C-alpha cells in the first residue's frame, strides 16, 4: 500500500502522527509511506524509520509553498491519502494528490472536509480525547488495529551531536526540557530541580535541551555533571540524546512527546493545559507520568513537590534526591 500522510506541523502533532504510522508499519506488509511536513520538522520525519520518503512544505509564503508541493505530487499516485492536519491548505493538498481513497479527520476545520472521501470517527470521548487516540482512529480504515507501536525509531546515520556531548558521562542521565512555545506553560523550577539533583549523592547527570537558548544560573552551574545544549542541537540530534536518557522531565512541549514516543520514562510538568488531552501518552503506563500545578498555575508548583513526585514514582532511581 502506498500511503501519503499530510501532517505539516506542529512538532508535537507530527510526533503523534509518527506513532500512528509506526503502528501501521508493524501491521501492514509492503507499506510505503510518503509524508508531507513543514521545513522545520522535515528532518525529524526523514529520520524516522517508519517513513520512506519526506516531501518538504514551506508555508511562508503559502502560495509558493503550495505550488512547490503540487509540483512534487505531479506524476505520483497513492493508494490512500491521510490528512491528519485537517486545515484548509492540507485539504487542498489532499485534493491535488492522486489516490482512490482520501481520508481526513471528522474534526477538520476551515472546509478541509470537502476534499475527503472518508472521515475518521472520533473515539468514544469525542473531541475530549487525547490527540494520539484521535489519530489512531485512522488505523481501522486501512484494516489495522487502533493500537500504539512498540516505539518510534529514528535513524542514527549522519546525525551530528554537540561536541561536548561526546565526552559527557551517560550513567543516571536526566534530560530536561525547560522551555515551551507558550510562556504560561514554562515552569520556572527547572534550575532548582537541577541543583537538587546535582547536589544529591546519586551521581546524576543532567542535560538541558531545546531549540531556544536558555541560560542556567543555578548554584551547580559549574558542575561537571551538567550540560546545557539548549539552542545547540538539531531535532535529529535530539532523538539520539533521548536514546541515552534514563528519565526525561519537561514542560508540555513537542520534545516531551518525542521522549514518550521513543519509550523513555517521562514526567511532564503541566499548568494551563489539560493533562488528559495533552499529557504523555498513554498515561500512567509505567513510563509516562505528569504532575499538574495547583489551580493550573505553574507559579504555584514548588520544586520540592516535583522532587517528591519523582521519588514516589521511581524510588530506586531517585533514592538520593
Protein backbone atom coordinates (compact mmCIF):
# COMPACT_ATOMS: atom_id res chain seq x y z
CA UNK A 1 0.00 0.00 0.00
CA UNK A 2 1.31 3.42 -0.97
CA UNK A 3 0.30 5.89 1.72
CA UNK A 4 0.59 9.68 1.66
CA UNK A 5 0.40 11.39 5.05
CA UNK A 6 -0.32 15.12 5.14
CA UNK A 7 0.76 16.35 8.57
CA UNK A 8 2.80 19.51 8.25
CA UNK A 9 3.05 20.75 11.87
CA UNK A 10 3.48 21.27 14.79
CA UNK A 11 6.27 19.24 16.39
CA UNK A 12 4.08 17.55 19.00
CA UNK A 13 1.35 16.79 16.45
CA UNK A 14 3.84 15.34 13.99
CA UNK A 15 5.25 13.06 16.68
CA UNK A 16 1.74 11.82 17.47
CA UNK A 17 1.24 11.11 13.77
CA UNK A 18 4.55 9.25 13.57
CA UNK A 19 3.29 6.93 16.31
CA UNK A 20 0.30 6.07 14.13
CA UNK A 21 2.44 5.45 11.04
CA UNK A 22 4.85 3.32 13.08
CA UNK A 23 1.85 1.24 14.18
CA UNK A 24 0.72 0.84 10.56
CA UNK A 25 4.26 -0.21 9.63
CA UNK A 26 4.11 -3.01 12.20
CA UNK A 27 0.74 -4.23 10.94
CA UNK A 28 0.69 -3.77 7.14
CA UNK A 29 3.04 -5.61 4.81
CA UNK A 30 4.58 -3.77 1.86
CA UNK A 31 3.63 -0.36 3.25
CA UNK A 32 5.36 2.61 1.61
CA UNK A 33 4.92 5.93 3.43
CA UNK A 34 5.40 9.38 1.93
CA UNK A 35 4.99 12.26 4.39
CA UNK A 36 4.50 15.99 3.78
CA UNK A 37 6.00 18.10 6.59
CA UNK A 38 6.99 21.71 7.05
CA UNK A 39 10.64 22.53 6.54
CA UNK A 40 11.27 22.99 10.27
CA UNK A 41 10.14 19.42 11.03
CA UNK A 42 11.04 17.57 7.83
CA UNK A 43 14.49 16.42 9.11
CA UNK A 44 12.86 14.65 12.06
CA UNK A 45 10.30 12.92 9.82
CA UNK A 46 13.03 11.99 7.33
CA UNK A 47 15.00 10.25 10.08
CA UNK A 48 12.04 8.18 11.27
CA UNK A 49 12.36 4.54 10.23
CA UNK A 50 8.58 4.30 9.66
CA UNK A 51 8.74 6.86 6.83
CA UNK A 52 10.17 6.05 3.39
CA UNK A 53 10.05 9.49 1.77
CA UNK A 54 9.60 13.04 3.04
CA UNK A 55 8.33 15.97 1.00
CA UNK A 56 9.15 19.40 2.42
CA UNK A 57 6.43 22.03 2.61
CA UNK A 58 7.35 25.70 3.07
CA UNK A 59 4.33 27.60 4.34
CA UNK A 60 5.73 31.12 4.03
CA UNK A 61 4.81 32.36 1.51
CA UNK A 62 1.87 29.95 1.47
CA UNK A 63 1.02 30.21 -2.23
CA UNK A 64 4.58 29.43 -3.32
CA UNK A 65 4.77 26.56 -0.85
CA UNK A 66 1.55 25.09 -2.22
CA UNK A 67 2.81 25.37 -5.78
CA UNK A 68 6.01 23.52 -4.90
CA UNK A 69 4.13 20.69 -3.20
CA UNK A 70 1.73 20.41 -6.13
CA UNK A 71 4.75 20.10 -8.42
CA UNK A 72 6.22 17.39 -6.16
CA UNK A 73 2.94 15.46 -6.27
CA UNK A 74 2.58 15.69 -10.04
CA UNK A 75 3.01 12.25 -11.60
CA UNK A 76 2.79 10.40 -8.28
CA UNK A 77 -0.04 8.05 -7.37
CA UNK A 78 -1.01 6.67 -3.97
CA UNK A 79 -3.48 4.13 -2.68
CA UNK A 80 -4.51 6.22 0.31
CA UNK A 81 -4.07 9.82 1.42
CA UNK A 82 -4.48 10.63 5.13
CA UNK A 83 -4.90 14.29 6.03
CA UNK A 84 -4.05 14.22 9.73
CA UNK A 85 -3.87 18.03 9.92
CA UNK A 86 -7.39 18.98 8.93
CA UNK A 87 -6.76 22.59 7.80
CA UNK A 88 -7.82 24.36 4.61
CA UNK A 89 -4.37 24.18 2.99
CA UNK A 90 -3.89 20.48 3.83
CA UNK A 91 -7.33 19.88 2.37
CA UNK A 92 -6.17 21.49 -0.89
CA UNK A 93 -3.04 19.34 -0.87
CA UNK A 94 -5.19 16.25 -0.33
CA UNK A 95 -7.41 17.29 -3.23
CA UNK A 96 -4.43 17.53 -5.60
CA UNK A 97 -2.95 14.16 -4.62
CA UNK A 98 -3.90 11.27 -6.90
CA UNK A 99 -5.46 8.45 -4.87
CA UNK A 100 -8.74 6.50 -4.90
CA UNK A 101 -9.13 6.98 -1.14
CA UNK A 102 -8.73 10.27 0.72
CA UNK A 103 -9.26 10.09 4.46
CA UNK A 104 -9.48 13.01 6.87
CA UNK A 105 -10.39 13.96 10.39
CA UNK A 106 -14.00 14.30 11.45
CA UNK A 107 -12.98 17.37 13.45
CA UNK A 108 -11.27 19.03 10.47
CA UNK A 109 -11.65 22.79 10.13
CA UNK A 110 -11.83 25.55 7.53
CA UNK A 111 -13.66 23.43 4.95
CA UNK A 112 -10.97 20.75 4.64
CA UNK A 113 -13.59 18.02 4.92
CA UNK A 114 -14.91 18.90 1.46
CA UNK A 115 -11.91 17.14 -0.06
CA UNK A 116 -12.22 13.79 1.72
CA UNK A 117 -13.87 10.58 0.59
CA UNK A 118 -13.98 9.30 4.16
CA UNK A 119 -13.81 10.90 7.58
CA UNK A 120 -12.39 9.22 10.65
CA UNK A 121 -14.74 8.66 13.56
CA UNK A 122 -13.73 10.21 16.86
CA UNK A 123 -13.01 7.99 19.89
CA UNK A 124 -15.83 7.44 22.43
CA UNK A 125 -14.82 10.60 24.33
CA UNK A 126 -15.23 12.67 21.16
CA UNK A 127 -13.30 15.93 20.94
CA UNK A 128 -12.27 15.50 24.56
CA UNK A 129 -10.00 12.60 23.59
CA UNK A 130 -6.22 12.67 23.65
CA UNK A 131 -4.58 13.72 20.36
CA UNK A 132 -2.97 10.28 19.95
CA UNK A 133 -6.28 8.49 20.48
CA UNK A 134 -7.88 10.66 17.79
CA UNK A 135 -5.16 9.90 15.23
CA UNK A 136 -5.14 6.16 16.00
CA UNK A 137 -8.69 6.02 14.61
CA UNK A 138 -7.15 6.31 11.13
CA UNK A 139 -5.85 2.75 11.51
CA UNK A 140 -9.11 0.75 11.22
CA UNK A 141 -9.96 2.43 7.91
CA UNK A 142 -6.97 0.70 6.32
CA UNK A 143 -7.51 -2.64 8.04
CA UNK A 144 -5.23 -2.14 11.04
CA UNK A 145 -5.86 -2.08 14.77
CA UNK A 146 -6.00 1.25 16.58
CA UNK A 147 -3.04 0.45 18.80
CA UNK A 148 0.27 2.06 19.64
CA UNK A 149 3.55 0.75 18.20
CA UNK A 150 6.24 -0.64 20.43
CA UNK A 151 8.12 2.63 19.97
CA UNK A 152 9.04 5.14 17.28
CA UNK A 153 12.57 4.58 15.98
CA UNK A 154 14.92 7.08 14.34
CA UNK A 155 18.00 6.56 12.18
CA UNK A 156 21.39 7.46 13.61
CA UNK A 157 23.27 7.76 10.31
CA UNK A 158 24.73 11.21 9.74
CA UNK A 159 23.37 12.68 12.98
CA UNK A 160 25.76 15.29 14.42
CA UNK A 161 25.74 15.69 18.18
CA UNK A 162 27.15 18.68 20.10
CA UNK A 163 30.87 18.18 20.65
CA UNK A 164 30.53 18.37 24.45
CA UNK A 165 28.02 15.52 24.38
CA UNK A 166 30.62 13.03 23.15
CA UNK A 167 32.58 13.25 26.41
CA UNK A 168 29.64 13.63 28.77
CA UNK A 169 29.02 10.62 31.06
CA UNK A 170 25.67 8.98 30.36
CA UNK A 171 25.06 6.94 33.54
CA UNK A 172 22.00 8.06 35.51
CA UNK A 173 21.19 10.65 32.86
CA UNK A 174 18.21 13.00 33.29
CA UNK A 175 17.27 15.12 30.27
CA UNK A 176 15.22 18.26 30.91
CA UNK A 177 13.24 20.48 28.53
CA UNK A 178 12.76 23.74 30.42
CA UNK A 179 11.11 25.59 27.52
CA UNK A 180 7.75 25.53 25.74
CA UNK A 181 6.14 27.51 22.93
CA UNK A 182 3.90 29.41 25.35
CA UNK A 183 5.27 31.30 28.33
CA UNK A 184 2.44 30.22 30.63
CA UNK A 185 3.45 26.58 30.01
CA UNK A 186 7.02 27.21 31.16
CA UNK A 187 7.73 26.12 34.74
CA UNK A 188 10.38 28.24 36.44
CA UNK A 189 11.57 25.50 38.78
CA UNK A 190 13.97 23.62 36.49
CA UNK A 191 17.06 25.38 37.84
CA UNK A 192 16.16 24.50 41.44
CA UNK A 193 15.36 20.90 40.47
CA UNK A 194 18.67 20.64 38.61
CA UNK A 195 20.53 21.99 41.63
CA UNK A 196 18.82 19.42 43.85
CA UNK A 197 19.82 16.55 41.54
CA UNK A 198 23.43 17.66 41.15
CA UNK A 199 23.82 18.26 44.89
CA UNK A 200 22.43 14.82 45.73
CA UNK A 201 24.86 11.92 46.26
CA UNK A 202 23.31 9.83 43.48
CA UNK A 203 25.80 10.78 40.71
CA UNK A 204 23.06 12.10 38.45
CA UNK A 205 23.93 13.74 35.15
CA UNK A 206 21.60 16.44 33.86
CA UNK A 207 21.25 17.79 30.31
CA UNK A 208 19.12 20.76 29.38
CA UNK A 209 17.92 20.64 25.78
CA UNK A 210 15.58 22.54 23.49
CA UNK A 211 15.66 24.76 20.43
CA UNK A 212 15.81 28.11 22.28
CA UNK A 213 18.97 29.02 24.23
CA UNK A 214 18.26 29.23 27.96
CA UNK A 215 20.95 30.11 30.49
CA UNK A 216 21.36 28.01 33.63
CA UNK A 217 22.07 30.20 36.64
CA UNK A 218 21.78 27.64 39.41
CA UNK A 219 24.25 27.04 42.19
CA UNK A 220 25.63 23.96 40.40
CA UNK A 221 26.33 25.81 37.12
CA UNK A 222 29.97 24.68 37.08
CA UNK A 223 29.27 21.04 37.78
CA UNK A 224 30.98 18.54 35.54
CA UNK A 225 27.76 16.55 35.54
CA UNK A 226 25.65 19.26 33.89
CA UNK A 227 25.44 20.10 30.18
CA UNK A 228 23.36 22.84 28.60
CA UNK A 229 22.71 22.22 24.89
CA UNK A 230 19.63 24.43 24.57
CA UNK A 231 19.73 26.11 21.19
CA UNK A 232 22.68 23.96 20.08
CA UNK A 233 21.15 20.71 18.86
CA UNK A 234 19.03 19.75 15.88
CA UNK A 235 15.85 17.68 16.06
CA UNK A 236 17.76 14.74 14.62
CA UNK A 237 20.40 15.07 17.34
CA UNK A 238 17.66 15.28 19.93
CA UNK A 239 16.46 11.78 19.11
CA UNK A 240 19.98 10.47 19.77
CA UNK A 241 20.19 12.35 23.06
CA UNK A 242 16.90 10.85 24.21
CA UNK A 243 18.03 7.31 23.43
CA UNK A 244 20.53 7.62 26.30
CA UNK A 245 18.16 9.17 28.85
CA UNK A 246 17.03 7.28 31.92
CA UNK A 247 14.43 9.97 32.65
CA UNK A 248 13.04 12.95 30.75
CA UNK A 249 11.41 15.88 32.55
CA UNK A 250 9.82 18.73 30.66
CA UNK A 251 7.04 21.20 30.16
CA UNK A 252 4.14 20.42 27.85
CA UNK A 253 6.11 20.51 24.60
CA UNK A 254 6.94 18.59 21.44
CA UNK A 255 10.23 17.18 22.81
CA UNK A 256 8.38 15.73 25.80
CA UNK A 257 6.08 13.82 23.44
CA UNK A 258 9.10 12.76 21.40
CA UNK A 259 10.59 11.18 24.52
CA UNK A 260 7.33 9.34 25.23
CA UNK A 261 7.19 8.09 21.63
CA UNK A 262 10.74 6.74 21.99
CA UNK A 263 9.75 4.82 25.11
CA UNK A 264 11.69 6.94 27.62
CA UNK A 265 10.48 7.41 31.19
CA UNK A 266 8.79 10.79 31.18
CA UNK A 267 7.49 13.28 33.74
CA UNK A 268 5.51 16.15 32.23
CA UNK A 269 5.09 19.44 34.09
CA UNK A 270 1.61 20.80 33.37
CA UNK A 271 -0.10 24.06 34.20
CA UNK A 272 -2.80 25.61 31.98
CA UNK A 273 -3.14 22.66 29.59
CA UNK A 274 -5.23 19.57 30.32
CA UNK A 275 -3.09 16.52 31.10
CA UNK A 276 -5.90 14.24 29.94
CA UNK A 277 -5.81 15.78 26.46
CA UNK A 278 -2.14 16.71 26.08
CA UNK A 279 -0.16 14.65 28.60
CA UNK A 280 2.39 11.93 27.81
CA UNK A 281 0.51 9.04 26.19
CA UNK A 282 -0.60 6.56 27.31
CA UNK A 283 -0.85 7.99 30.85
CA UNK A 284 0.45 6.18 33.92
CA UNK A 285 1.61 3.14 31.96
CA UNK A 286 4.78 2.72 33.99
CA UNK A 287 6.74 5.13 31.81
CA UNK A 288 4.57 8.20 31.29
CA UNK A 289 3.71 10.44 34.22
CA UNK A 290 2.64 14.03 34.78
CA UNK A 291 2.30 16.49 37.63
CA UNK A 292 -0.28 19.28 37.43
CA UNK A 293 0.24 22.65 39.10
CA UNK A 294 -2.29 23.78 41.72
CA UNK A 295 -5.11 25.69 40.04
CA UNK A 296 -3.29 25.05 36.73
CA UNK A 297 -0.86 27.84 37.63
CA UNK A 298 2.79 26.84 37.29
CA UNK A 299 3.83 29.64 39.63
CA UNK A 300 2.25 27.61 42.42
CA UNK A 301 4.21 24.42 41.70
CA UNK A 302 7.18 24.12 44.05
CA UNK A 303 10.35 22.24 43.04
CA UNK A 304 10.05 20.20 46.25
CA UNK A 305 6.67 18.90 45.06
CA UNK A 306 8.22 17.70 41.79
CA UNK A 307 11.12 16.09 43.68
CA UNK A 308 8.66 14.26 45.93
CA UNK A 309 6.69 13.07 42.91
CA UNK A 310 9.85 11.69 41.28
CA UNK A 311 10.82 9.77 44.42
CA UNK A 312 7.32 8.31 44.65
CA UNK A 313 7.29 7.25 41.00
CA UNK A 314 10.80 5.74 40.86
CA UNK A 315 12.32 5.42 44.34
CA UNK A 316 15.12 3.15 43.08
CA UNK A 317 16.41 5.84 40.71
CA UNK A 318 15.67 8.98 42.72
CA UNK A 319 16.52 7.49 46.12
CA UNK A 320 19.01 10.24 46.98
CA UNK A 321 17.04 13.21 45.70
